[in-house]
Amino acid sequence: MNRMLKPTIISIAMATVMAGAAISPALGLIAANFSGTNPTYIKLVLTAPSLLIIPFSFLSSYLTKRISKRTIVLIGLAIYVISGVGAQFTNTIGMLLAFRFLLGAGVGLVMPLSFTLISDYFTGKEQVKMMGYNTAFSNFGGIVTMLLAGYLASFNWRMPFNVYWLGLIIFLLVFFFLPKDKPLENSQDTKKTKIPIGIYGLALAACFVMLVYYAIATNMALYLEQSKLGGSQTAGLVIAFTTVGGMITSMILVRLEMLLKSFLIPISLLVMGLAFAGLSLSHSIPIILISVS
């Protein structure tokens, strides 16, 4: 196993986190540039990738039986860079949304494999550690890109889209360091098992949690500008802080799991609820930073 395998697999997850929220600090500037546009369309600039991530995630799983995972990741990252960077050259909200939807297609191809590759190359405690590192470093990537996007937004609304050039670095890492593999083979001896109903319940619950979580990224930049608490750079800082807590807890995931056991998820949801309560009652940047982290 080459030394660059771990950082390569981790970098793939970083690309998926950067997808939507990376340009959230510039949302206020985008709204100002496309003045008169329905606010829903402005927010859709941020959420549009997610709408195509879902179907293309299923497509990614289907393609693993026909082409290698490495090839799928490279195709997804190529789409990611082209659509992510290309969005800055659009002049209409329609074209901007088209590039954002295309970005979602690229992320959808890559996202499932950022986790399955860990299962392919690691087992046991090493696998759990890698899952934690995967989340931690993807959150770190989110912090860096959102701070960078906030800074770039101080020039104009187009500049933050240049953060997607980081996808080119990840593309090169995958090209040179991810081992070549073969498409998955269907085994006739393998019996299909039904997914327990409880799994669907957990998936639905996770969907609602993420829906609530991303309300911060889609609304924070507009909220700060309307409340006169700060501009794009402040929004970049605040939204970057949403990943700080995730990065820290991901690094100590194994210990938290051993300590809290079955209480881990309930306590996590309680802390999340308290954070939103803090956001709803606060009009101070320091308190907002503490709440989102």
C-alpha atoms as a PDB file:
ATOM      1  CA  MET A   1       0.000   0.000   0.000  1.00  0.00           C
ATOM      2  CA  ASN A   2       1.567   3.289  -1.095  1.00  0.00           C
ATOM      3  CA  ARG A   3       1.953   6.116   1.403  1.00  0.00           C
ATOM      4  CA  MET A   4      -0.187   8.457  -0.667  1.00  0.00           C
ATOM      5  CA  LEU A   5      -3.246   6.189  -0.643  1.00  0.00           C
ATOM      6  CA  LYS A   6      -4.721   7.580   2.586  1.00  0.00           C
ATOM      7  CA  PRO A   7      -4.398  11.279   1.667  1.00  0.00           C
ATOM      8  CA  THR A   8      -5.717  10.487  -1.825  1.00  0.00           C
ATOM      9  CA  ILE A   9      -8.879   8.821  -0.528  1.00  0.00           C
ATOM     10  CA  ILE A  10      -9.362  11.567   2.066  1.00  0.00           C
ATOM     11  CA  SER A  11      -8.973  14.260  -0.601  1.00  0.00           C
ATOM     12  CA  ILE A  12     -11.865  12.728  -2.577  1.00  0.00           C
ATOM     13  CA  ALA A  13     -14.190  13.346   0.386  1.00  0.00           C
ATOM     14  CA  MET A  14     -12.907  16.925   0.621  1.00  0.00           C
ATOM     15  CA  ALA A  15     -14.107  17.551  -2.922  1.00  0.00           C
ATOM     16  CA  THR A  16     -17.646  16.444  -2.066  1.00  0.00           C
ATOM     17  CA  VAL A  17     -17.901  18.771   0.952  1.00  0.00           C
ATOM     18  CA  MET A  18     -16.641  21.712  -1.107  1.00  0.00           C
ATOM     19  CA  ALA A  19     -19.368  21.200  -3.704  1.00  0.00           C
ATOM     20  CA  GLY A  20     -22.278  23.314  -2.537  1.00  0.00           C
ATOM     21  CA  ALA A  21     -21.267  25.316   0.501  1.00  0.00           C
ATOM     22  CA  ALA A  22     -17.973  26.554  -0.964  1.00  0.00           C
ATOM     23  CA  ILE A  23     -19.575  29.574  -2.591  1.00  0.00           C
ATOM     24  CA  SER A  24     -22.119  30.298   0.163  1.00  0.00           C
ATOM     25  CA  PRO A  25     -20.189  33.397   1.360  1.00  0.00           C
ATOM     26  CA  ALA A  26     -20.825  34.969  -2.051  1.00  0.00           C
ATOM     27  CA  LEU A  27     -24.569  34.331  -2.046  1.00  0.00           C
ATOM     28  CA  GLY A  28     -25.359  37.912  -1.037  1.00  0.00           C
ATOM     29  CA  LEU A  29     -23.219  39.262  -3.890  1.00  0.00           C
ATOM     30  CA  ILE A  30     -24.836  36.864  -6.363  1.00  0.00           C
ATOM     31  CA  ALA A  31     -28.263  38.105  -5.211  1.00  0.00           C
ATOM     32  CA  ALA A  32     -27.130  41.716  -5.753  1.00  0.00           C
ATOM     33  CA  ASN A  33     -25.729  40.931  -9.204  1.00  0.00           C
ATOM     34  CA  PHE A  34     -28.936  39.232 -10.315  1.00  0.00           C
ATOM     35  CA  SER A  35     -31.203  41.804  -8.692  1.00  0.00           C
ATOM     36  CA  GLY A  36     -34.885  41.207  -9.326  1.00  0.00           C
ATOM     37  CA  THR A  37     -34.381  37.440  -9.425  1.00  0.00           C
ATOM     38  CA  ASN A  38     -36.653  35.327  -7.251  1.00  0.00           C
ATOM     39  CA  PRO A  39     -34.795  34.716  -3.920  1.00  0.00           C
ATOM     40  CA  THR A  40     -35.583  31.008  -4.279  1.00  0.00           C
ATOM     41  CA  TYR A  41     -33.446  30.876  -7.436  1.00  0.00           C
ATOM     42  CA  ILE A  42     -30.591  32.587  -5.594  1.00  0.00           C
ATOM     43  CA  LYS A  43     -30.704  29.974  -2.830  1.00  0.00           C
ATOM     44  CA  LEU A  44     -30.956  27.290  -5.513  1.00  0.00           C
ATOM     45  CA  VAL A  45     -27.459  28.307  -6.649  1.00  0.00           C
ATOM     46  CA  LEU A  46     -26.276  26.747  -3.397  1.00  0.00           C
ATOM     47  CA  THR A  47     -28.619  23.760  -3.256  1.00  0.00           C
ATOM     48  CA  ALA A  48     -28.862  22.870  -6.967  1.00  0.00           C
ATOM     49  CA  PRO A  49     -25.908  20.430  -6.843  1.00  0.00           C
ATOM     50  CA  SER A  50     -27.703  18.340  -4.197  1.00  0.00           C
ATOM     51  CA  LEU A  51     -30.657  17.744  -6.522  1.00  0.00           C
ATOM     52  CA  LEU A  52     -28.457  15.845  -8.967  1.00  0.00           C
ATOM     53  CA  ILE A  53     -26.146  14.285  -6.379  1.00  0.00           C
ATOM     54  CA  ILE A  54     -28.930  11.854  -5.390  1.00  0.00           C
ATOM     55  CA  PRO A  55     -29.687  10.286  -8.809  1.00  0.00           C
ATOM     56  CA  PHE A  56     -26.041  10.300  -9.887  1.00  0.00           C
ATOM     57  CA  SER A  57     -25.061   8.528  -6.663  1.00  0.00           C
ATOM     58  CA  PHE A  58     -27.291   5.646  -7.759  1.00  0.00           C
ATOM     59  CA  LEU A  59     -25.759   5.846 -11.230  1.00  0.00           C
ATOM     60  CA  SER A  60     -22.288   5.663  -9.687  1.00  0.00           C
ATOM     61  CA  SER A  61     -23.179   2.394  -7.941  1.00  0.00           C
ATOM     62  CA  TYR A  62     -24.555   1.007 -11.191  1.00  0.00           C
ATOM     63  CA  LEU A  63     -21.421   1.985 -13.124  1.00  0.00           C
ATOM     64  CA  THR A  64     -19.084   0.157 -10.694  1.00  0.00           C
ATOM     65  CA  LYS A  65     -20.246  -3.093 -12.310  1.00  0.00           C
ATOM     66  CA  ARG A  66     -19.133  -1.902 -15.738  1.00  0.00           C
ATOM     67  CA  ILE A  67     -16.110   0.349 -15.249  1.00  0.00           C
ATOM     68  CA  SER A  68     -13.510   0.696 -12.506  1.00  0.00           C
ATOM     69  CA  LYS A  69     -14.065   2.896  -9.445  1.00  0.00           C
ATOM     70  CA  ARG A  70     -10.907   4.811 -10.283  1.00  0.00           C
ATOM     71  CA  THR A  71     -12.283   5.712 -13.723  1.00  0.00           C
ATOM     72  CA  ILE A  72     -15.626   6.822 -12.246  1.00  0.00           C
ATOM     73  CA  VAL A  73     -13.841   9.077  -9.747  1.00  0.00           C
ATOM     74  CA  LEU A  74     -11.707  10.638 -12.496  1.00  0.00           C
ATOM     75  CA  ILE A  75     -14.777  11.287 -14.679  1.00  0.00           C
ATOM     76  CA  GLY A  76     -16.649  12.794 -11.736  1.00  0.00           C
ATOM     77  CA  LEU A  77     -13.722  15.049 -10.783  1.00  0.00           C
ATOM     78  CA  ALA A  78     -13.311  16.231 -14.398  1.00  0.00           C
ATOM     79  CA  ILE A  79     -16.993  17.255 -14.463  1.00  0.00           C
ATOM     80  CA  TYR A  80     -16.512  18.811 -11.031  1.00  0.00           C
ATOM     81  CA  VAL A  81     -13.656  21.101 -12.093  1.00  0.00           C
ATOM     82  CA  ILE A  82     -15.174  22.121 -15.433  1.00  0.00           C
ATOM     83  CA  SER A  83     -18.628  22.925 -14.027  1.00  0.00           C
ATOM     84  CA  GLY A  84     -17.353  24.437 -10.772  1.00  0.00           C
ATOM     85  CA  VAL A  85     -14.890  26.847 -12.356  1.00  0.00           C
ATOM     86  CA  GLY A  86     -16.995  27.423 -15.476  1.00  0.00           C
ATOM     87  CA  ALA A  87     -19.921  28.845 -13.495  1.00  0.00           C
ATOM     88  CA  GLN A  88     -18.083  32.161 -13.076  1.00  0.00           C
ATOM     89  CA  PHE A  89     -18.259  32.851 -16.817  1.00  0.00           C
ATOM     90  CA  THR A  90     -22.072  32.830 -16.960  1.00  0.00           C
ATOM     91  CA  ASN A  91     -24.142  35.994 -17.325  1.00  0.00           C
ATOM     92  CA  THR A  92     -27.651  34.713 -16.607  1.00  0.00           C
ATOM     93  CA  ILE A  93     -29.115  32.985 -13.564  1.00  0.00           C
ATOM     94  CA  GLY A  94     -30.311  30.168 -15.837  1.00  0.00           C
ATOM     95  CA  MET A  95     -26.816  29.361 -17.117  1.00  0.00           C
ATOM     96  CA  LEU A  96     -25.378  29.671 -13.611  1.00  0.00           C
ATOM     97  CA  LEU A  97     -27.905  27.126 -12.327  1.00  0.00           C
ATOM     98  CA  ALA A  98     -27.131  24.819 -15.273  1.00  0.00           C
ATOM     99  CA  PHE A  99     -23.450  24.723 -14.288  1.00  0.00           C
ATOM    100  CA  ARG A 100     -24.432  24.125 -10.654  1.00  0.00           C
ATOM    101  CA  PHE A 101     -26.634  21.194 -11.627  1.00  0.00           C
ATOM    102  CA  LEU A 102     -23.761  19.788 -13.679  1.00  0.00           C
ATOM    103  CA  LEU A 103     -21.517  20.135 -10.625  1.00  0.00           C
ATOM    104  CA  GLY A 104     -23.988  17.988  -8.699  1.00  0.00           C
ATOM    105  CA  ALA A 105     -23.708  15.285 -11.345  1.00  0.00           C
ATOM    106  CA  GLY A 106     -19.935  15.170 -10.905  1.00  0.00           C
ATOM    107  CA  VAL A 107     -20.188  15.078  -7.119  1.00  0.00           C
ATOM    108  CA  GLY A 108     -22.847  12.367  -7.301  1.00  0.00           C
ATOM    109  CA  LEU A 109     -20.464  10.107  -9.207  1.00  0.00           C
ATOM    110  CA  VAL A 110     -17.685  10.652  -6.667  1.00  0.00           C
ATOM    111  CA  MET A 111     -19.469  10.835  -3.310  1.00  0.00           C
ATOM    112  CA  PRO A 112     -20.421   7.138  -2.772  1.00  0.00           C
ATOM    113  CA  LEU A 113     -16.919   6.014  -3.735  1.00  0.00           C
ATOM    114  CA  SER A 114     -15.278   8.305  -1.167  1.00  0.00           C
ATOM    115  CA  PHE A 115     -16.663   5.875   1.435  1.00  0.00           C
ATOM    116  CA  THR A 116     -16.544   2.540  -0.385  1.00  0.00           C
ATOM    117  CA  LEU A 117     -12.855   3.003  -1.200  1.00  0.00           C
ATOM    118  CA  ILE A 118     -12.176   3.017   2.548  1.00  0.00           C
ATOM    119  CA  SER A 119     -13.960  -0.334   2.857  1.00  0.00           C
ATOM    120  CA  ASP A 120     -11.940  -1.657  -0.081  1.00  0.00           C
ATOM    121  CA  TYR A 121      -8.525  -0.886   1.393  1.00  0.00           C
ATOM    122  CA  PHE A 122      -9.008  -0.821   5.180  1.00  0.00           C
ATOM    123  CA  THR A 123     -10.571  -3.083   7.810  1.00  0.00           C
ATOM    124  CA  GLY A 124     -11.333  -3.116  11.548  1.00  0.00           C
ATOM    125  CA  LYS A 125     -10.236  -0.169  13.703  1.00  0.00           C
ATOM    126  CA  GLU A 126      -8.167   1.217  10.846  1.00  0.00           C
ATOM    127  CA  GLN A 127     -11.360   1.468   8.817  1.00  0.00           C
ATOM    128  CA  VAL A 128     -13.174   3.325  11.630  1.00  0.00           C
ATOM    129  CA  LYS A 129     -10.193   5.686  11.997  1.00  0.00           C
ATOM    130  CA  MET A 130     -10.200   6.354   8.282  1.00  0.00           C
ATOM    131  CA  MET A 131     -13.922   7.117   8.394  1.00  0.00           C
ATOM    132  CA  GLY A 132     -13.225   9.647  11.150  1.00  0.00           C
ATOM    133  CA  TYR A 133     -10.246  11.134   9.326  1.00  0.00           C
ATOM    134  CA  ASN A 134     -12.306  11.237   6.152  1.00  0.00           C
ATOM    135  CA  THR A 135     -14.952  13.405   7.809  1.00  0.00           C
ATOM    136  CA  ALA A 136     -12.418  15.483   9.746  1.00  0.00           C
ATOM    137  CA  PHE A 137     -10.277  16.419   6.766  1.00  0.00           C
ATOM    138  CA  SER A 138     -13.289  16.991   4.530  1.00  0.00           C
ATOM    139  CA  ASN A 139     -14.516  19.460   7.156  1.00  0.00           C
ATOM    140  CA  PHE A 140     -11.052  21.020   7.195  1.00  0.00           C
ATOM    141  CA  GLY A 141     -11.293  21.373   3.433  1.00  0.00           C
ATOM    142  CA  GLY A 142     -14.645  23.056   3.920  1.00  0.00           C
ATOM    143  CA  ILE A 143     -13.114  25.536   6.364  1.00  0.00           C
ATOM    144  CA  VAL A 144     -10.276  26.435   3.996  1.00  0.00           C
ATOM    145  CA  THR A 145     -12.456  26.759   0.894  1.00  0.00           C
ATOM    146  CA  MET A 146     -15.144  28.837   2.591  1.00  0.00           C
ATOM    147  CA  LEU A 147     -12.601  31.221   4.094  1.00  0.00           C
ATOM    148  CA  LEU A 148     -10.925  31.453   0.692  1.00  0.00           C
ATOM    149  CA  ALA A 149     -14.275  31.968  -1.020  1.00  0.00           C
ATOM    150  CA  GLY A 150     -15.141  34.716   1.463  1.00  0.00           C
ATOM    151  CA  TYR A 151     -11.875  36.484   0.668  1.00  0.00           C
ATOM    152  CA  LEU A 152     -12.282  36.081  -3.097  1.00  0.00           C
ATOM    153  CA  ALA A 153     -15.839  37.414  -2.864  1.00  0.00           C
ATOM    154  CA  SER A 154     -14.385  40.743  -1.704  1.00  0.00           C
ATOM    155  CA  PHE A 155     -13.298  41.271  -5.337  1.00  0.00           C
ATOM    156  CA  ASN A 156     -16.537  40.257  -7.089  1.00  0.00           C
ATOM    157  CA  TRP A 157     -19.178  37.522  -7.151  1.00  0.00           C
ATOM    158  CA  ARG A 158     -17.368  35.483  -9.826  1.00  0.00           C
ATOM    159  CA  MET A 159     -14.052  34.975  -8.056  1.00  0.00           C
ATOM    160  CA  PRO A 160     -15.200  32.446  -5.384  1.00  0.00           C
ATOM    161  CA  PHE A 161     -15.858  29.857  -8.097  1.00  0.00           C
ATOM    162  CA  ASN A 162     -12.092  29.581  -8.534  1.00  0.00           C
ATOM    163  CA  VAL A 163     -11.937  27.502  -5.336  1.00  0.00           C
ATOM    164  CA  TYR A 164     -13.025  24.568  -7.495  1.00  0.00           C
ATOM    165  CA  TRP A 165      -9.550  24.523  -9.057  1.00  0.00           C
ATOM    166  CA  LEU A 166      -8.651  22.521  -5.950  1.00  0.00           C
ATOM    167  CA  GLY A 167     -10.513  19.686  -7.635  1.00  0.00           C
ATOM    168  CA  LEU A 168      -7.719  19.559 -10.219  1.00  0.00           C
ATOM    169  CA  ILE A 169      -5.193  18.755  -7.465  1.00  0.00           C
ATOM    170  CA  ILE A 170      -7.450  15.943  -6.244  1.00  0.00           C
ATOM    171  CA  PHE A 171      -7.801  14.684  -9.831  1.00  0.00           C
ATOM    172  CA  LEU A 172      -4.002  14.446 -10.122  1.00  0.00           C
ATOM    173  CA  LEU A 173      -3.719  12.632  -6.776  1.00  0.00           C
ATOM    174  CA  VAL A 174      -6.272  10.044  -7.908  1.00  0.00           C
ATOM    175  CA  PHE A 175      -4.646   9.671 -11.323  1.00  0.00           C
ATOM    176  CA  PHE A 176      -1.189   8.987  -9.904  1.00  0.00           C
ATOM    177  CA  PHE A 177      -1.802   7.313  -6.543  1.00  0.00           C
ATOM    178  CA  LEU A 178      -5.149   5.480  -6.508  1.00  0.00           C
ATOM    179  CA  PRO A 179      -4.484   1.858  -7.573  1.00  0.00           C
ATOM    180  CA  LYS A 180      -6.108   0.623 -10.754  1.00  0.00           C
ATOM    181  CA  ASP A 181      -9.029  -1.708 -10.097  1.00  0.00           C
ATOM    182  CA  LYS A 182     -11.517  -3.770 -12.060  1.00  0.00           C
ATOM    183  CA  PRO A 183     -15.308  -3.451 -12.311  1.00  0.00           C
ATOM    184  CA  LEU A 184     -17.220  -5.341  -9.635  1.00  0.00           C
ATOM    185  CA  GLU A 185     -18.284  -8.840 -10.603  1.00  0.00           C
ATOM    186  CA  ASN A 186     -21.782 -10.137  -9.970  1.00  0.00           C
ATOM    187  CA  SER A 187     -21.663 -13.416  -8.100  1.00  0.00           C
ATOM    188  CA  GLN A 188     -24.510 -15.795  -8.909  1.00  0.00           C
ATOM    189  CA  ASP A 189     -24.042 -17.477  -5.534  1.00  0.00           C
ATOM    190  CA  THR A 190     -24.689 -14.266  -3.624  1.00  0.00           C
ATOM    191  CA  LYS A 191     -28.241 -14.097  -2.284  1.00  0.00           C
ATOM    192  CA  LYS A 192     -30.025 -10.782  -2.229  1.00  0.00           C
ATOM    193  CA  THR A 193     -31.210  -9.725   1.219  1.00  0.00           C
ATOM    194  CA  LYS A 194     -33.913  -7.238   2.051  1.00  0.00           C
ATOM    195  CA  ILE A 195     -32.905  -4.008   3.715  1.00  0.00           C
ATOM    196  CA  PRO A 196     -34.431  -3.783   7.230  1.00  0.00           C
ATOM    197  CA  ILE A 197     -37.193  -1.188   7.593  1.00  0.00           C
ATOM    198  CA  GLY A 198     -35.203   0.480  10.363  1.00  0.00           C
ATOM    199  CA  ILE A 199     -32.493   1.417   7.854  1.00  0.00           C
ATOM    200  CA  TYR A 200     -35.016   3.436   5.844  1.00  0.00           C
ATOM    201  CA  GLY A 201     -36.025   5.214   9.053  1.00  0.00           C
ATOM    202  CA  LEU A 202     -32.396   6.095   9.812  1.00  0.00           C
ATOM    203  CA  ALA A 203     -31.902   7.341   6.249  1.00  0.00           C
ATOM    204  CA  LEU A 204     -35.004   9.543   6.511  1.00  0.00           C
ATOM    205  CA  ALA A 205     -33.843  10.896   9.880  1.00  0.00           C
ATOM    206  CA  ALA A 206     -30.382  11.658   8.447  1.00  0.00           C
ATOM    207  CA  CYS A 207     -32.094  13.469   5.557  1.00  0.00           C
ATOM    208  CA  PHE A 208     -33.972  15.745   7.968  1.00  0.00           C
ATOM    209  CA  VAL A 209     -30.803  16.419   9.992  1.00  0.00           C
ATOM    210  CA  MET A 210     -28.907  17.494   6.869  1.00  0.00           C
ATOM    211  CA  LEU A 211     -31.885  19.580   5.740  1.00  0.00           C
ATOM    212  CA  VAL A 212     -31.743  21.512   9.009  1.00  0.00           C
ATOM    213  CA  TYR A 213     -27.945  21.724   8.954  1.00  0.00           C
ATOM    214  CA  TYR A 214     -27.760  23.216   5.443  1.00  0.00           C
ATOM    215  CA  ALA A 215     -30.268  25.899   6.376  1.00  0.00           C
ATOM    216  CA  ILE A 216     -27.248  27.712   7.833  1.00  0.00           C
ATOM    217  CA  ALA A 217     -25.238  27.717   4.603  1.00  0.00           C
ATOM    218  CA  THR A 218     -28.179  28.784   2.433  1.00  0.00           C
ATOM    219  CA  ASN A 219     -29.320  31.638   4.647  1.00  0.00           C
ATOM    220  CA  MET A 220     -26.329  32.913   6.619  1.00  0.00           C
ATOM    221  CA  ALA A 221     -24.793  35.233   3.991  1.00  0.00           C
ATOM    222  CA  LEU A 222     -28.154  36.863   3.244  1.00  0.00           C
ATOM    223  CA  TYR A 223     -28.988  37.103   6.972  1.00  0.00           C
ATOM    224  CA  LEU A 224     -25.687  38.810   7.862  1.00  0.00           C
ATOM    225  CA  GLU A 225     -26.041  41.375   5.087  1.00  0.00           C
ATOM    226  CA  GLN A 226     -29.696  42.128   5.871  1.00  0.00           C
ATOM    227  CA  SER A 227     -28.887  42.433   9.600  1.00  0.00           C
ATOM    228  CA  LYS A 228     -25.846  44.608   8.802  1.00  0.00           C
ATOM    229  CA  LEU A 229     -23.586  42.258  10.781  1.00  0.00           C
ATOM    230  CA  GLY A 230     -21.047  41.783   7.991  1.00  0.00           C
ATOM    231  CA  GLY A 231     -20.368  41.117   4.333  1.00  0.00           C
ATOM    232  CA  SER A 232     -19.028  38.201   2.319  1.00  0.00           C
ATOM    233  CA  GLN A 233     -15.822  37.800   4.338  1.00  0.00           C
ATOM    234  CA  THR A 234     -17.763  37.628   7.606  1.00  0.00           C
ATOM    235  CA  ALA A 235     -20.138  35.125   6.026  1.00  0.00           C
ATOM    236  CA  GLY A 236     -17.171  33.030   4.923  1.00  0.00           C
ATOM    237  CA  LEU A 237     -15.826  33.014   8.476  1.00  0.00           C
ATOM    238  CA  VAL A 238     -19.179  32.103  10.026  1.00  0.00           C
ATOM    239  CA  ILE A 239     -19.955  29.331   7.539  1.00  0.00           C
ATOM    240  CA  ALA A 240     -16.418  27.974   7.873  1.00  0.00           C
ATOM    241  CA  PHE A 241     -17.023  27.650  11.611  1.00  0.00           C
ATOM    242  CA  THR A 242     -19.919  25.266  10.904  1.00  0.00           C
ATOM    243  CA  THR A 243     -17.318  22.621  10.095  1.00  0.00           C
ATOM    244  CA  VAL A 244     -14.967  23.246  13.036  1.00  0.00           C
ATOM    245  CA  GLY A 245     -16.989  21.202  15.512  1.00  0.00           C
ATOM    246  CA  GLY A 246     -17.442  18.445  12.936  1.00  0.00           C
ATOM    247  CA  MET A 247     -13.711  18.286  12.318  1.00  0.00           C
ATOM    248  CA  ILE A 248     -12.884  18.009  16.017  1.00  0.00           C
ATOM    249  CA  THR A 249     -15.509  15.363  16.813  1.00  0.00           C
ATOM    250  CA  SER A 250     -14.562  13.352  13.727  1.00  0.00           C
ATOM    251  CA  MET A 251     -10.966  13.164  14.896  1.00  0.00           C
ATOM    252  CA  ILE A 252     -12.090  11.652  18.209  1.00  0.00           C
ATOM    253  CA  LEU A 253     -14.999   9.644  16.774  1.00  0.00           C
ATOM    254  CA  VAL A 254     -13.718   6.285  18.014  1.00  0.00           C
ATOM    255  CA  ARG A 255     -13.307   7.555  21.592  1.00  0.00           C
ATOM    256  CA  LEU A 256     -16.713   9.228  21.577  1.00  0.00           C
ATOM    257  CA  GLU A 257     -18.304   6.031  20.323  1.00  0.00           C
ATOM    258  CA  MET A 258     -16.695   4.030  23.139  1.00  0.00           C
ATOM    259  CA  LEU A 259     -17.601   6.625  25.783  1.00  0.00           C
ATOM    260  CA  LEU A 260     -21.183   7.487  24.851  1.00  0.00           C
ATOM    261  CA  LYS A 261     -22.177   4.227  23.118  1.00  0.00           C
ATOM    262  CA  SER A 262     -25.915   4.269  22.307  1.00  0.00           C
ATOM    263  CA  PHE A 263     -26.245   7.839  23.633  1.00  0.00           C
ATOM    264  CA  LEU A 264     -23.963   9.260  20.944  1.00  0.00           C
ATOM    265  CA  ILE A 265     -26.693  10.157  18.424  1.00  0.00           C
ATOM    266  CA  PRO A 266     -29.249  11.502  20.963  1.00  0.00           C
ATOM    267  CA  ILE A 267     -26.598  13.719  22.591  1.00  0.00           C
ATOM    268  CA  SER A 268     -25.453  14.927  19.162  1.00  0.00           C
ATOM    269  CA  LEU A 269     -29.017  15.917  18.256  1.00  0.00           C
ATOM    270  CA  LEU A 270     -29.463  17.672  21.626  1.00  0.00           C
ATOM    271  CA  VAL A 271     -26.299  19.733  21.084  1.00  0.00           C
ATOM    272  CA  MET A 272     -27.476  20.584  17.573  1.00  0.00           C
ATOM    273  CA  GLY A 273     -30.835  21.772  18.960  1.00  0.00           C
ATOM    274  CA  LEU A 274     -29.132  23.971  21.559  1.00  0.00           C
ATOM    275  CA  ALA A 275     -26.948  25.487  18.836  1.00  0.00           C
ATOM    276  CA  PHE A 276     -29.976  26.465  16.749  1.00  0.00           C
ATOM    277  CA  ALA A 277     -31.607  27.941  19.834  1.00  0.00           C
ATOM    278  CA  GLY A 278     -28.472  30.060  20.303  1.00  0.00           C
ATOM    279  CA  LEU A 279     -28.638  31.217  16.678  1.00  0.00           C
ATOM    280  CA  SER A 280     -32.288  32.220  16.957  1.00  0.00           C
ATOM    281  CA  LEU A 281     -31.660  34.362  20.051  1.00  0.00           C
ATOM    282  CA  SER A 282     -28.341  35.939  19.079  1.00  0.00           C
ATOM    283  CA  HIS A 283     -27.446  39.069  17.118  1.00  0.00           C
ATOM    284  CA  SER A 284     -23.742  38.968  17.999  1.00  0.00           C
ATOM    285  CA  ILE A 285     -21.027  37.548  15.740  1.00  0.00           C
ATOM    286  CA  PRO A 286     -19.091  35.838  18.602  1.00  0.00           C
ATOM    287  CA  ILE A 287     -22.250  34.036  19.788  1.00  0.00           C
ATOM    288  CA  ILE A 288     -23.116  33.091  16.213  1.00  0.00           C
ATOM    289  CA  LEU A 289     -19.627  31.638  15.730  1.00  0.00           C
ATOM    290  CA  ILE A 290     -19.954  29.565  18.901  1.00  0.00           C
ATOM    291  CA  SER A 291     -23.418  28.342  17.899  1.00  0.00           C
ATOM    292  CA  VAL A 292     -22.523  27.273  14.355  1.00  0.00           C
ATOM    293  CA  SER A 293     -19.389  25.435  15.458  1.00  0.00           C
END
